[in-house]
Amino acid sequence: MELYTPVLVLAALAALFAVGSVAMSAFVGPARYNRAKLDSYECGIEPTPQAIGGRFPVKYYITAMLFIVFDIEIIFLYPWAVHFDAMGWFGLIEMVVFIATVFVAYAYVWRRGGLDWD
């Protein structure tokens, strides 16, 4: 149990700091609210009123999924970059195929209008 004592103390201090920061912001922070601050923010455009449980456009979900897909694909480049010398030609050919696949997906999304913000 001795080995875990510093970890538990650090976790308790981190939790205390997080809770304390939120609590102090409620006491110390300014309490001047106006309509603009309380209004929802949607990427710089005026928010549209929707009924409770209103439907979101599919565009939001497609954009989020595209970000996740391309972000995960880029993560696969890090191990390749670290062991580039050890893999030789095999690693180079595999990465060219991988990047070509990513480029084909990017071109497909671009062609279908998935990157248009209108």
PDB file of N, CA and C in Angstrom:
ATOM      1  N   MET A   1       0.808  -1.189   0.000  1.00  0.00           N
ATOM      2  CA  MET A   1       0.000   0.000   0.000  1.00  0.00           C
ATOM      3  C   MET A   1       0.856   1.260   0.000  1.00  0.00           C
ATOM      4  N   GLU A   2       2.102   1.142   0.480  1.00  0.00           N
ATOM      5  CA  GLU A   2       2.995   2.294   0.531  1.00  0.00           C
ATOM      6  C   GLU A   2       3.256   2.869  -0.856  1.00  0.00           C
ATOM      7  N   LEU A   3       3.303   1.987  -1.852  1.00  0.00           N
ATOM      8  CA  LEU A   3       3.601   2.464  -3.199  1.00  0.00           C
ATOM      9  C   LEU A   3       2.468   3.302  -3.776  1.00  0.00           C
ATOM     10  N   TYR A   4       1.245   3.047  -3.353  1.00  0.00           N
ATOM     11  CA  TYR A   4       0.099   3.759  -3.902  1.00  0.00           C
ATOM     12  C   TYR A   4      -0.240   5.038  -3.147  1.00  0.00           C
ATOM     13  N   THR A   5       0.361   5.253  -1.995  1.00  0.00           N
ATOM     14  CA  THR A   5       0.056   6.437  -1.198  1.00  0.00           C
ATOM     15  C   THR A   5       0.328   7.737  -1.955  1.00  0.00           C
ATOM     16  N   PRO A   6       1.483   7.925  -2.604  1.00  0.00           N
ATOM     17  CA  PRO A   6       1.691   9.176  -3.341  1.00  0.00           C
ATOM     18  C   PRO A   6       0.694   9.362  -4.488  1.00  0.00           C
ATOM     19  N   VAL A   7       0.312   8.271  -5.136  1.00  0.00           N
ATOM     20  CA  VAL A   7      -0.645   8.373  -6.235  1.00  0.00           C
ATOM     21  C   VAL A   7      -2.009   8.795  -5.703  1.00  0.00           C
ATOM     22  N   LEU A   8      -2.430   8.204  -4.597  1.00  0.00           N
ATOM     23  CA  LEU A   8      -3.715   8.564  -3.996  1.00  0.00           C
ATOM     24  C   LEU A   8      -3.723  10.003  -3.497  1.00  0.00           C
ATOM     25  N   VAL A   9      -2.621  10.440  -2.919  1.00  0.00           N
ATOM     26  CA  VAL A   9      -2.525  11.828  -2.457  1.00  0.00           C
ATOM     27  C   VAL A   9      -2.596  12.779  -3.638  1.00  0.00           C
ATOM     28  N   LEU A  10      -1.906  12.467  -4.701  1.00  0.00           N
ATOM     29  CA  LEU A  10      -1.942  13.322  -5.890  1.00  0.00           C
ATOM     30  C   LEU A  10      -3.337  13.350  -6.511  1.00  0.00           C
ATOM     31  N   ALA A  11      -4.015  12.202  -6.554  1.00  0.00           N
ATOM     32  CA  ALA A  11      -5.375  12.161  -7.089  1.00  0.00           C
ATOM     33  C   ALA A  11      -6.322  12.983  -6.218  1.00  0.00           C
ATOM     34  N   ALA A  12      -6.171  12.904  -4.903  1.00  0.00           N
ATOM     35  CA  ALA A  12      -7.009  13.694  -4.002  1.00  0.00           C
ATOM     36  C   ALA A  12      -6.746  15.181  -4.182  1.00  0.00           C
ATOM     37  N   LEU A  13      -5.489  15.566  -4.314  1.00  0.00           N
ATOM     38  CA  LEU A  13      -5.161  16.976  -4.536  1.00  0.00           C
ATOM     39  C   LEU A  13      -5.717  17.469  -5.874  1.00  0.00           C
ATOM     40  N   ALA A  14      -5.645  16.652  -6.900  1.00  0.00           N
ATOM     41  CA  ALA A  14      -6.181  17.040  -8.207  1.00  0.00           C
ATOM     42  C   ALA A  14      -7.693  17.202  -8.143  1.00  0.00           C
ATOM     43  N   ALA A  15      -8.382  16.289  -7.474  1.00  0.00           N
ATOM     44  CA  ALA A  15      -9.833  16.392  -7.339  1.00  0.00           C
ATOM     45  C   ALA A  15     -10.205  17.612  -6.511  1.00  0.00           C
ATOM     46  N   LEU A  16      -9.479  17.868  -5.432  1.00  0.00           N
ATOM     47  CA  LEU A  16      -9.739  19.037  -4.605  1.00  0.00           C
ATOM     48  C   LEU A  16      -9.513  20.322  -5.392  1.00  0.00           C
ATOM     49  N   PHE A  17      -8.471  20.364  -6.195  1.00  0.00           N
ATOM     50  CA  PHE A  17      -8.207  21.551  -7.013  1.00  0.00           C
ATOM     51  C   PHE A  17      -9.312  21.762  -8.046  1.00  0.00           C
ATOM     52  N   ALA A  18      -9.769  20.687  -8.686  1.00  0.00           N
ATOM     53  CA  ALA A  18     -10.824  20.813  -9.698  1.00  0.00           C
ATOM     54  C   ALA A  18     -12.125  21.306  -9.075  1.00  0.00           C
ATOM     55  N   VAL A  19     -12.527  20.689  -7.984  1.00  0.00           N
ATOM     56  CA  VAL A  19     -13.774  21.103  -7.320  1.00  0.00           C
ATOM     57  C   VAL A  19     -13.627  22.515  -6.754  1.00  0.00           C
ATOM     58  N   GLY A  20     -12.497  22.803  -6.177  1.00  0.00           N
ATOM     59  CA  GLY A  20     -12.259  24.139  -5.619  1.00  0.00           C
ATOM     60  C   GLY A  20     -12.251  25.222  -6.689  1.00  0.00           C
ATOM     61  N   SER A  21     -11.693  24.936  -7.839  1.00  0.00           N
ATOM     62  CA  SER A  21     -11.678  25.917  -8.926  1.00  0.00           C
ATOM     63  C   SER A  21     -13.080  26.236  -9.415  1.00  0.00           C
ATOM     64  N   VAL A  22     -13.903  25.226  -9.563  1.00  0.00           N
ATOM     65  CA  VAL A  22     -15.286  25.447 -10.002  1.00  0.00           C
ATOM     66  C   VAL A  22     -16.060  26.215  -8.931  1.00  0.00           C
ATOM     67  N   ALA A  23     -15.869  25.858  -7.664  1.00  0.00           N
ATOM     68  CA  ALA A  23     -16.586  26.536  -6.589  1.00  0.00           C
ATOM     69  C   ALA A  23     -16.142  27.991  -6.461  1.00  0.00           C
ATOM     70  N   MET A  24     -14.857  28.242  -6.566  1.00  0.00           N
ATOM     71  CA  MET A  24     -14.356  29.615  -6.444  1.00  0.00           C
ATOM     72  C   MET A  24     -14.794  30.487  -7.615  1.00  0.00           C
ATOM     73  N   SER A  25     -14.916  29.915  -8.783  1.00  0.00           N
ATOM     74  CA  SER A  25     -15.357  30.720  -9.920  1.00  0.00           C
ATOM     75  C   SER A  25     -16.791  31.192  -9.734  1.00  0.00           C
ATOM     76  N   ALA A  26     -17.603  30.397  -9.041  1.00  0.00           N
ATOM     77  CA  ALA A  26     -18.977  30.820  -8.772  1.00  0.00           C
ATOM     78  C   ALA A  26     -19.011  31.973  -7.774  1.00  0.00           C
ATOM     79  N   PHE A  27     -18.093  31.990  -6.827  1.00  0.00           N
ATOM     80  CA  PHE A  27     -18.071  33.056  -5.827  1.00  0.00           C
ATOM     81  C   PHE A  27     -17.349  34.301  -6.306  1.00  0.00           C
ATOM     82  N   VAL A  28     -16.242  34.156  -6.983  1.00  0.00           N
ATOM     83  CA  VAL A  28     -15.388  35.279  -7.354  1.00  0.00           C
ATOM     84  C   VAL A  28     -15.750  35.869  -8.716  1.00  0.00           C
ATOM     85  N   GLY A  29     -16.270  35.055  -9.600  1.00  0.00           N
ATOM     86  CA  GLY A  29     -16.552  35.499 -10.967  1.00  0.00           C
ATOM     87  C   GLY A  29     -17.629  36.567 -11.037  1.00  0.00           C
ATOM     88  N   PRO A  30     -17.635  37.334 -12.145  1.00  0.00           N
ATOM     89  CA  PRO A  30     -18.649  38.376 -12.283  1.00  0.00           C
ATOM     90  C   PRO A  30     -20.042  37.771 -12.453  1.00  0.00           C
ATOM     91  N   ALA A  31     -21.022  38.474 -11.941  1.00  0.00           N
ATOM     92  CA  ALA A  31     -22.394  37.987 -12.007  1.00  0.00           C
ATOM     93  C   ALA A  31     -23.260  38.896 -12.879  1.00  0.00           C
ATOM     94  N   ARG A  32     -22.655  39.587 -13.813  1.00  0.00           N
ATOM     95  CA  ARG A  32     -23.412  40.459 -14.706  1.00  0.00           C
ATOM     96  C   ARG A  32     -23.753  39.674 -15.956  1.00  0.00           C
ATOM     97  N   TYR A  33     -24.980  39.269 -16.053  1.00  0.00           N
ATOM     98  CA  TYR A  33     -25.410  38.501 -17.200  1.00  0.00           C
ATOM     99  C   TYR A  33     -26.302  39.356 -18.074  1.00  0.00           C
ATOM    100  N   ASN A  34     -26.168  39.180 -19.371  1.00  0.00           N
ATOM    101  CA  ASN A  34     -27.072  39.845 -20.301  1.00  0.00           C
ATOM    102  C   ASN A  34     -27.554  38.812 -21.314  1.00  0.00           C
ATOM    103  N   ARG A  35     -28.432  39.242 -22.182  1.00  0.00           N
ATOM    104  CA  ARG A  35     -29.035  38.290 -23.119  1.00  0.00           C
ATOM    105  C   ARG A  35     -27.997  37.677 -24.060  1.00  0.00           C
ATOM    106  N   ALA A  36     -27.006  38.462 -24.477  1.00  0.00           N
ATOM    107  CA  ALA A  36     -25.996  37.953 -25.408  1.00  0.00           C
ATOM    108  C   ALA A  36     -25.149  36.864 -24.764  1.00  0.00           C
ATOM    109  N   LYS A  37     -24.847  36.999 -23.483  1.00  0.00           N
ATOM    110  CA  LYS A  37     -24.029  35.986 -22.809  1.00  0.00           C
ATOM    111  C   LYS A  37     -24.805  34.707 -22.550  1.00  0.00           C
ATOM    112  N   LEU A  38     -26.096  34.825 -22.320  1.00  0.00           N
ATOM    113  CA  LEU A  38     -26.906  33.655 -22.035  1.00  0.00           C
ATOM    114  C   LEU A  38     -27.380  32.948 -23.291  1.00  0.00           C
ATOM    115  N   ASP A  39     -27.227  33.597 -24.451  1.00  0.00           N
ATOM    116  CA  ASP A  39     -27.687  33.005 -25.704  1.00  0.00           C
ATOM    117  C   ASP A  39     -26.698  31.941 -26.167  1.00  0.00           C
ATOM    118  N   SER A  40     -27.205  30.916 -26.829  1.00  0.00           N
ATOM    119  CA  SER A  40     -26.321  29.855 -27.312  1.00  0.00           C
ATOM    120  C   SER A  40     -25.491  30.367 -28.494  1.00  0.00           C
ATOM    121  N   TYR A  41     -24.337  29.759 -28.679  1.00  0.00           N
ATOM    122  CA  TYR A  41     -23.404  30.180 -29.720  1.00  0.00           C
ATOM    123  C   TYR A  41     -23.242  29.049 -30.715  1.00  0.00           C
ATOM    124  N   GLU A  42     -23.495  29.352 -31.990  1.00  0.00           N
ATOM    125  CA  GLU A  42     -23.400  28.337 -33.034  1.00  0.00           C
ATOM    126  C   GLU A  42     -22.455  28.796 -34.141  1.00  0.00           C
ATOM    127  N   CYS A  43     -21.185  28.719 -33.901  1.00  0.00           N
ATOM    128  CA  CYS A  43     -20.160  28.985 -34.926  1.00  0.00           C
ATOM    129  C   CYS A  43     -20.266  30.383 -35.535  1.00  0.00           C
ATOM    130  N   GLY A  44     -20.641  31.368 -34.757  1.00  0.00           N
ATOM    131  CA  GLY A  44     -20.662  32.732 -35.247  1.00  0.00           C
ATOM    132  C   GLY A  44     -21.933  33.118 -35.979  1.00  0.00           C
ATOM    133  N   ILE A  45     -22.894  32.238 -36.100  1.00  0.00           N
ATOM    134  CA  ILE A  45     -24.143  32.584 -36.771  1.00  0.00           C
ATOM    135  C   ILE A  45     -25.242  32.698 -35.726  1.00  0.00           C
ATOM    136  N   GLU A  46     -26.292  33.393 -36.082  1.00  0.00           N
ATOM    137  CA  GLU A  46     -27.410  33.534 -35.170  1.00  0.00           C
ATOM    138  C   GLU A  46     -28.067  32.181 -34.944  1.00  0.00           C
ATOM    139  N   PRO A  47     -28.305  31.809 -33.698  1.00  0.00           N
ATOM    140  CA  PRO A  47     -28.937  30.514 -33.451  1.00  0.00           C
ATOM    141  C   PRO A  47     -30.386  30.514 -33.920  1.00  0.00           C
ATOM    142  N   THR A  48     -30.792  29.401 -34.440  1.00  0.00           N
ATOM    143  CA  THR A  48     -32.160  29.267 -34.927  1.00  0.00           C
ATOM    144  C   THR A  48     -33.005  28.625 -33.833  1.00  0.00           C
ATOM    145  N   PRO A  49     -34.174  29.178 -33.588  1.00  0.00           N
ATOM    146  CA  PRO A  49     -35.012  28.566 -32.540  1.00  0.00           C
ATOM    147  C   PRO A  49     -35.535  27.211 -32.987  1.00  0.00           C
ATOM    148  N   GLN A  50     -35.465  26.253 -32.107  1.00  0.00           N
ATOM    149  CA  GLN A  50     -35.955  24.911 -32.393  1.00  0.00           C
ATOM    150  C   GLN A  50     -36.826  24.450 -31.238  1.00  0.00           C
ATOM    151  N   ALA A  51     -37.752  23.612 -31.553  1.00  0.00           N
ATOM    152  CA  ALA A  51     -38.569  23.024 -30.500  1.00  0.00           C
ATOM    153  C   ALA A  51     -37.702  22.121 -29.632  1.00  0.00           C
ATOM    154  N   ILE A  52     -38.168  21.856 -28.441  1.00  0.00           N
ATOM    155  CA  ILE A  52     -37.401  20.975 -27.554  1.00  0.00           C
ATOM    156  C   ILE A  52     -37.304  19.602 -28.215  1.00  0.00           C
ATOM    157  N   GLY A  53     -36.116  19.104 -28.274  1.00  0.00           N
ATOM    158  CA  GLY A  53     -35.903  17.825 -28.952  1.00  0.00           C
ATOM    159  C   GLY A  53     -35.866  17.979 -30.451  1.00  0.00           C
ATOM    160  N   GLY A  54     -35.551  19.206 -30.929  1.00  0.00           N
ATOM    161  CA  GLY A  54     -35.496  19.458 -32.365  1.00  0.00           C
ATOM    162  C   GLY A  54     -34.402  18.660 -33.031  1.00  0.00           C
ATOM    163  N   ARG A  55     -34.512  18.537 -34.325  1.00  0.00           N
ATOM    164  CA  ARG A  55     -33.549  17.724 -35.071  1.00  0.00           C
ATOM    165  C   ARG A  55     -32.378  18.579 -35.510  1.00  0.00           C
ATOM    166  N   PHE A  56     -31.191  18.015 -35.421  1.00  0.00           N
ATOM    167  CA  PHE A  56     -29.997  18.676 -35.903  1.00  0.00           C
ATOM    168  C   PHE A  56     -29.766  18.269 -37.344  1.00  0.00           C
ATOM    169  N   PRO A  57     -29.210  19.169 -38.132  1.00  0.00           N
ATOM    170  CA  PRO A  57     -28.892  18.779 -39.507  1.00  0.00           C
ATOM    171  C   PRO A  57     -27.837  17.669 -39.520  1.00  0.00           C
ATOM    172  N   VAL A  58     -27.914  16.820 -40.492  1.00  0.00           N
ATOM    173  CA  VAL A  58     -26.967  15.712 -40.619  1.00  0.00           C
ATOM    174  C   VAL A  58     -25.556  16.245 -40.844  1.00  0.00           C
ATOM    175  N   LYS A  59     -25.440  17.450 -41.364  1.00  0.00           N
ATOM    176  CA  LYS A  59     -24.125  18.052 -41.657  1.00  0.00           C
ATOM    177  C   LYS A  59     -23.227  18.083 -40.417  1.00  0.00           C
ATOM    178  N   TYR A  60     -23.805  18.357 -39.243  1.00  0.00           N
ATOM    179  CA  TYR A  60     -23.002  18.387 -38.017  1.00  0.00           C
ATOM    180  C   TYR A  60     -22.380  17.020 -37.744  1.00  0.00           C
ATOM    181  N   TYR A  61     -23.152  15.988 -37.899  1.00  0.00           N
ATOM    182  CA  TYR A  61     -22.667  14.639 -37.622  1.00  0.00           C
ATOM    183  C   TYR A  61     -21.640  14.192 -38.658  1.00  0.00           C
ATOM    184  N   ILE A  62     -21.866  14.537 -39.909  1.00  0.00           N
ATOM    185  CA  ILE A  62     -20.911  14.164 -40.959  1.00  0.00           C
ATOM    186  C   ILE A  62     -19.571  14.851 -40.726  1.00  0.00           C
ATOM    187  N   THR A  63     -19.616  16.132 -40.362  1.00  0.00           N
ATOM    188  CA  THR A  63     -18.375  16.862 -40.093  1.00  0.00           C
ATOM    189  C   THR A  63     -17.641  16.242 -38.915  1.00  0.00           C
ATOM    190  N   ALA A  64     -18.349  15.886 -37.870  1.00  0.00           N
ATOM    191  CA  ALA A  64     -17.712  15.266 -36.705  1.00  0.00           C
ATOM    192  C   ALA A  64     -17.113  13.910 -37.062  1.00  0.00           C
ATOM    193  N   MET A  65     -17.839  13.124 -37.837  1.00  0.00           N
ATOM    194  CA  MET A  65     -17.317  11.817 -38.229  1.00  0.00           C
ATOM    195  C   MET A  65     -16.097  11.948 -39.129  1.00  0.00           C
ATOM    196  N   LEU A  66     -16.114  12.923 -40.037  1.00  0.00           N
ATOM    197  CA  LEU A  66     -14.945  13.140 -40.889  1.00  0.00           C
ATOM    198  C   LEU A  66     -13.736  13.520 -40.059  1.00  0.00           C
ATOM    199  N   PHE A  67     -13.932  14.384 -39.074  1.00  0.00           N
ATOM    200  CA  PHE A  67     -12.816  14.766 -38.215  1.00  0.00           C
ATOM    201  C   PHE A  67     -12.257  13.544 -37.496  1.00  0.00           C
ATOM    202  N   ILE A  68     -13.122  12.723 -36.954  1.00  0.00           N
ATOM    203  CA  ILE A  68     -12.663  11.539 -36.222  1.00  0.00           C
ATOM    204  C   ILE A  68     -11.916  10.587 -37.148  1.00  0.00           C
ATOM    205  N   VAL A  69     -12.462  10.346 -38.343  1.00  0.00           N
ATOM    206  CA  VAL A  69     -11.828   9.410 -39.276  1.00  0.00           C
ATOM    207  C   VAL A  69     -10.447   9.896 -39.681  1.00  0.00           C
ATOM    208  N   PHE A  70     -10.345  11.159 -40.107  1.00  0.00           N
ATOM    209  CA  PHE A  70      -9.046  11.652 -40.554  1.00  0.00           C
ATOM    210  C   PHE A  70      -8.076  11.824 -39.390  1.00  0.00           C
ATOM    211  N   ASP A  71      -8.576  12.136 -38.209  1.00  0.00           N
ATOM    212  CA  ASP A  71      -7.703  12.254 -37.053  1.00  0.00           C
ATOM    213  C   ASP A  71      -7.114  10.899 -36.679  1.00  0.00           C
ATOM    214  N   ILE A  72      -7.924   9.867 -36.697  1.00  0.00           N
ATOM    215  CA  ILE A  72      -7.426   8.526 -36.379  1.00  0.00           C
ATOM    216  C   ILE A  72      -6.453   8.040 -37.444  1.00  0.00           C
ATOM    217  N   GLU A  73      -6.722   8.366 -38.690  1.00  0.00           N
ATOM    218  CA  GLU A  73      -5.796   7.954 -39.751  1.00  0.00           C
ATOM    219  C   GLU A  73      -4.441   8.638 -39.595  1.00  0.00           C
ATOM    220  N   ILE A  74      -4.439   9.876 -39.179  1.00  0.00           N
ATOM    221  CA  ILE A  74      -3.168  10.575 -38.977  1.00  0.00           C
ATOM    222  C   ILE A  74      -2.409   9.991 -37.795  1.00  0.00           C
ATOM    223  N   ILE A  75      -3.118   9.491 -36.795  1.00  0.00           N
ATOM    224  CA  ILE A  75      -2.441   8.880 -35.644  1.00  0.00           C
ATOM    225  C   ILE A  75      -1.615   7.673 -36.084  1.00  0.00           C
ATOM    226  N   PHE A  76      -2.051   6.978 -37.127  1.00  0.00           N
ATOM    227  CA  PHE A  76      -1.298   5.832 -37.608  1.00  0.00           C
ATOM    228  C   PHE A  76       0.035   6.221 -38.247  1.00  0.00           C
ATOM    229  N   LEU A  77       0.236   7.498 -38.526  1.00  0.00           N
ATOM    230  CA  LEU A  77       1.507   7.934 -39.101  1.00  0.00           C
ATOM    231  C   LEU A  77       2.627   7.983 -38.062  1.00  0.00           C
ATOM    232  N   TYR A  78       2.306   8.163 -36.783  1.00  0.00           N
ATOM    233  CA  TYR A  78       3.342   8.294 -35.763  1.00  0.00           C
ATOM    234  C   TYR A  78       4.198   7.042 -35.585  1.00  0.00           C
ATOM    235  N   PRO A  79       3.619   5.859 -35.440  1.00  0.00           N
ATOM    236  CA  PRO A  79       4.486   4.685 -35.310  1.00  0.00           C
ATOM    237  C   PRO A  79       5.360   4.469 -36.546  1.00  0.00           C
ATOM    238  N   TRP A  80       4.817   4.780 -37.711  1.00  0.00           N
ATOM    239  CA  TRP A  80       5.593   4.644 -38.936  1.00  0.00           C
ATOM    240  C   TRP A  80       6.779   5.609 -38.922  1.00  0.00           C
ATOM    241  N   ALA A  81       6.551   6.829 -38.479  1.00  0.00           N
ATOM    242  CA  ALA A  81       7.637   7.814 -38.443  1.00  0.00           C
ATOM    243  C   ALA A  81       8.717   7.431 -37.440  1.00  0.00           C
ATOM    244  N   VAL A  82       8.320   6.808 -36.345  1.00  0.00           N
ATOM    245  CA  VAL A  82       9.298   6.430 -35.324  1.00  0.00           C
ATOM    246  C   VAL A  82      10.187   5.289 -35.816  1.00  0.00           C
ATOM    247  N   HIS A  83       9.611   4.316 -36.513  1.00  0.00           N
ATOM    248  CA  HIS A  83      10.363   3.143 -36.961  1.00  0.00           C
ATOM    249  C   HIS A  83      10.585   3.153 -38.476  1.00  0.00           C
ATOM    250  N   PHE A  84      10.734   4.314 -39.047  1.00  0.00           N
ATOM    251  CA  PHE A  84      10.893   4.430 -40.490  1.00  0.00           C
ATOM    252  C   PHE A  84      12.147   3.709 -40.986  1.00  0.00           C
ATOM    253  N   ASP A  85      13.257   3.884 -40.285  1.00  0.00           N
ATOM    254  CA  ASP A  85      14.523   3.262 -40.710  1.00  0.00           C
ATOM    255  C   ASP A  85      14.476   1.739 -40.610  1.00  0.00           C
ATOM    256  N   ALA A  86      13.798   1.216 -39.634  1.00  0.00           N
ATOM    257  CA  ALA A  86      13.774  -0.231 -39.414  1.00  0.00           C
ATOM    258  C   ALA A  86      12.901  -0.959 -40.432  1.00  0.00           C
ATOM    259  N   MET A  87      11.926  -0.286 -41.020  1.00  0.00           N
ATOM    260  CA  MET A  87      10.992  -0.965 -41.924  1.00  0.00           C
ATOM    261  C   MET A  87      11.484  -1.048 -43.362  1.00  0.00           C
ATOM    262  N   GLY A  88      12.322  -0.138 -43.771  1.00  0.00           N
ATOM    263  CA  GLY A  88      12.857  -0.182 -45.127  1.00  0.00           C
ATOM    264  C   GLY A  88      11.808   0.060 -46.196  1.00  0.00           C
ATOM    265  N   TRP A  89      11.961  -0.639 -47.321  1.00  0.00           N
ATOM    266  CA  TRP A  89      11.054  -0.444 -48.459  1.00  0.00           C
ATOM    267  C   TRP A  89       9.632  -0.905 -48.174  1.00  0.00           C
ATOM    268  N   PHE A  90       9.498  -1.949 -47.385  1.00  0.00           N
ATOM    269  CA  PHE A  90       8.165  -2.437 -47.043  1.00  0.00           C
ATOM    270  C   PHE A  90       7.344  -1.355 -46.343  1.00  0.00           C
ATOM    271  N   GLY A  91       7.955  -0.683 -45.380  1.00  0.00           N
ATOM    272  CA  GLY A  91       7.262   0.395 -44.667  1.00  0.00           C
ATOM    273  C   GLY A  91       6.919   1.547 -45.578  1.00  0.00           C
ATOM    274  N   LEU A  92       7.799   1.864 -46.510  1.00  0.00           N
ATOM    275  CA  LEU A  92       7.538   2.961 -47.441  1.00  0.00           C
ATOM    276  C   LEU A  92       6.360   2.621 -48.362  1.00  0.00           C
ATOM    277  N   ILE A  93       6.341   1.412 -48.879  1.00  0.00           N
ATOM    278  CA  ILE A  93       5.253   1.011 -49.784  1.00  0.00           C
ATOM    279  C   ILE A  93       3.924   0.952 -49.033  1.00  0.00           C
ATOM    280  N   GLU A  94       3.935   0.406 -47.838  1.00  0.00           N
ATOM    281  CA  GLU A  94       2.702   0.348 -47.045  1.00  0.00           C
ATOM    282  C   GLU A  94       2.181   1.746 -46.743  1.00  0.00           C
ATOM    283  N   MET A  95       3.064   2.688 -46.443  1.00  0.00           N
ATOM    284  CA  MET A  95       2.611   4.044 -46.131  1.00  0.00           C
ATOM    285  C   MET A  95       2.110   4.761 -47.375  1.00  0.00           C
ATOM    286  N   VAL A  96       2.698   4.492 -48.522  1.00  0.00           N
ATOM    287  CA  VAL A  96       2.183   5.077 -49.771  1.00  0.00           C
ATOM    288  C   VAL A  96       0.773   4.556 -50.043  1.00  0.00           C
ATOM    289  N   VAL A  97       0.543   3.264 -49.833  1.00  0.00           N
ATOM    290  CA  VAL A  97      -0.804   2.706 -50.008  1.00  0.00           C
ATOM    291  C   VAL A  97      -1.773   3.325 -49.003  1.00  0.00           C
ATOM    292  N   PHE A  98      -1.335   3.471 -47.759  1.00  0.00           N
ATOM    293  CA  PHE A  98      -2.183   4.058 -46.721  1.00  0.00           C
ATOM    294  C   PHE A  98      -2.537   5.506 -47.047  1.00  0.00           C
ATOM    295  N   ILE A  99      -1.555   6.301 -47.426  1.00  0.00           N
ATOM    296  CA  ILE A  99      -1.808   7.710 -47.748  1.00  0.00           C
ATOM    297  C   ILE A  99      -2.661   7.820 -49.005  1.00  0.00           C
ATOM    298  N   ALA A 100      -2.486   6.932 -49.951  1.00  0.00           N
ATOM    299  CA  ALA A 100      -3.338   6.940 -51.145  1.00  0.00           C
ATOM    300  C   ALA A 100      -4.785   6.650 -50.762  1.00  0.00           C
ATOM    301  N   THR A 101      -4.997   5.725 -49.836  1.00  0.00           N
ATOM    302  CA  THR A 101      -6.350   5.441 -49.362  1.00  0.00           C
ATOM    303  C   THR A 101      -6.955   6.659 -48.678  1.00  0.00           C
ATOM    304  N   VAL A 102      -6.182   7.333 -47.854  1.00  0.00           N
ATOM    305  CA  VAL A 102      -6.669   8.546 -47.190  1.00  0.00           C
ATOM    306  C   VAL A 102      -6.989   9.616 -48.229  1.00  0.00           C
ATOM    307  N   PHE A 103      -6.141   9.755 -49.240  1.00  0.00           N
ATOM    308  CA  PHE A 103      -6.383  10.755 -50.270  1.00  0.00           C
ATOM    309  C   PHE A 103      -7.639  10.435 -51.073  1.00  0.00           C
ATOM    310  N   VAL A 104      -7.875   9.172 -51.375  1.00  0.00           N
ATOM    311  CA  VAL A 104      -9.094   8.785 -52.101  1.00  0.00           C
ATOM    312  C   VAL A 104     -10.327   9.119 -51.261  1.00  0.00           C
ATOM    313  N   ALA A 105     -10.284   8.845 -49.965  1.00  0.00           N
ATOM    314  CA  ALA A 105     -11.408   9.188 -49.093  1.00  0.00           C
ATOM    315  C   ALA A 105     -11.616  10.696 -49.038  1.00  0.00           C
ATOM    316  N   TYR A 106     -10.531  11.438 -48.961  1.00  0.00           N
ATOM    317  CA  TYR A 106     -10.615  12.901 -48.939  1.00  0.00           C
ATOM    318  C   TYR A 106     -11.198  13.427 -50.244  1.00  0.00           C
ATOM    319  N   ALA A 107     -10.751  12.905 -51.366  1.00  0.00           N
ATOM    320  CA  ALA A 107     -11.271  13.341 -52.668  1.00  0.00           C
ATOM    321  C   ALA A 107     -12.757  12.992 -52.802  1.00  0.00           C
ATOM    322  N   TYR A 108     -13.149  11.842 -52.305  1.00  0.00           N
ATOM    323  CA  TYR A 108     -14.555  11.440 -52.359  1.00  0.00           C
ATOM    324  C   TYR A 108     -15.432  12.399 -51.546  1.00  0.00           C
ATOM    325  N   VAL A 109     -14.982  12.711 -50.331  1.00  0.00           N
ATOM    326  CA  VAL A 109     -15.749  13.618 -49.478  1.00  0.00           C
ATOM    327  C   VAL A 109     -15.812  15.001 -50.101  1.00  0.00           C
ATOM    328  N   TRP A 110     -14.711  15.448 -50.665  1.00  0.00           N
ATOM    329  CA  TRP A 110     -14.669  16.770 -51.302  1.00  0.00           C
ATOM    330  C   TRP A 110     -15.612  16.803 -52.500  1.00  0.00           C
ATOM    331  N   ARG A 111     -15.590  15.762 -53.301  1.00  0.00           N
ATOM    332  CA  ARG A 111     -16.436  15.689 -54.503  1.00  0.00           C
ATOM    333  C   ARG A 111     -17.923  15.650 -54.141  1.00  0.00           C
ATOM    334  N   ARG A 112     -18.266  14.972 -53.060  1.00  0.00           N
ATOM    335  CA  ARG A 112     -19.660  14.856 -52.642  1.00  0.00           C
ATOM    336  C   ARG A 112     -20.154  16.102 -51.917  1.00  0.00           C
ATOM    337  N   GLY A 113     -19.265  17.074 -51.656  1.00  0.00           N
ATOM    338  CA  GLY A 113     -19.671  18.311 -51.004  1.00  0.00           C
ATOM    339  C   GLY A 113     -19.672  18.229 -49.499  1.00  0.00           C
ATOM    340  N   GLY A 114     -18.989  17.262 -48.937  1.00  0.00           N
ATOM    341  CA  GLY A 114     -18.951  17.107 -47.487  1.00  0.00           C
ATOM    342  C   GLY A 114     -18.142  18.172 -46.783  1.00  0.00           C
ATOM    343  N   LEU A 115     -17.337  18.920 -47.495  1.00  0.00           N
ATOM    344  CA  LEU A 115     -16.502  19.954 -46.892  1.00  0.00           C
ATOM    345  C   LEU A 115     -17.059  21.347 -47.128  1.00  0.00           C
ATOM    346  N   ASP A 116     -18.223  21.478 -47.775  1.00  0.00           N
ATOM    347  CA  ASP A 116     -18.841  22.782 -48.001  1.00  0.00           C
ATOM    348  C   ASP A 116     -19.536  23.228 -46.725  1.00  0.00           C
ATOM    349  N   TRP A 117     -19.397  24.500 -46.379  1.00  0.00           N
ATOM    350  CA  TRP A 117     -19.988  25.026 -45.161  1.00  0.00           C
ATOM    351  C   TRP A 117     -21.273  25.787 -45.405  1.00  0.00           C
ATOM    352  N   ASP A 118     -21.840  25.707 -46.566  1.00  0.00           N
ATOM    353  CA  ASP A 118     -23.071  26.457 -46.857  1.00  0.00           C
ATOM    354  C   ASP A 118     -24.294  25.707 -46.423  1.00  0.00           C
TER     355      ASP A 118
END
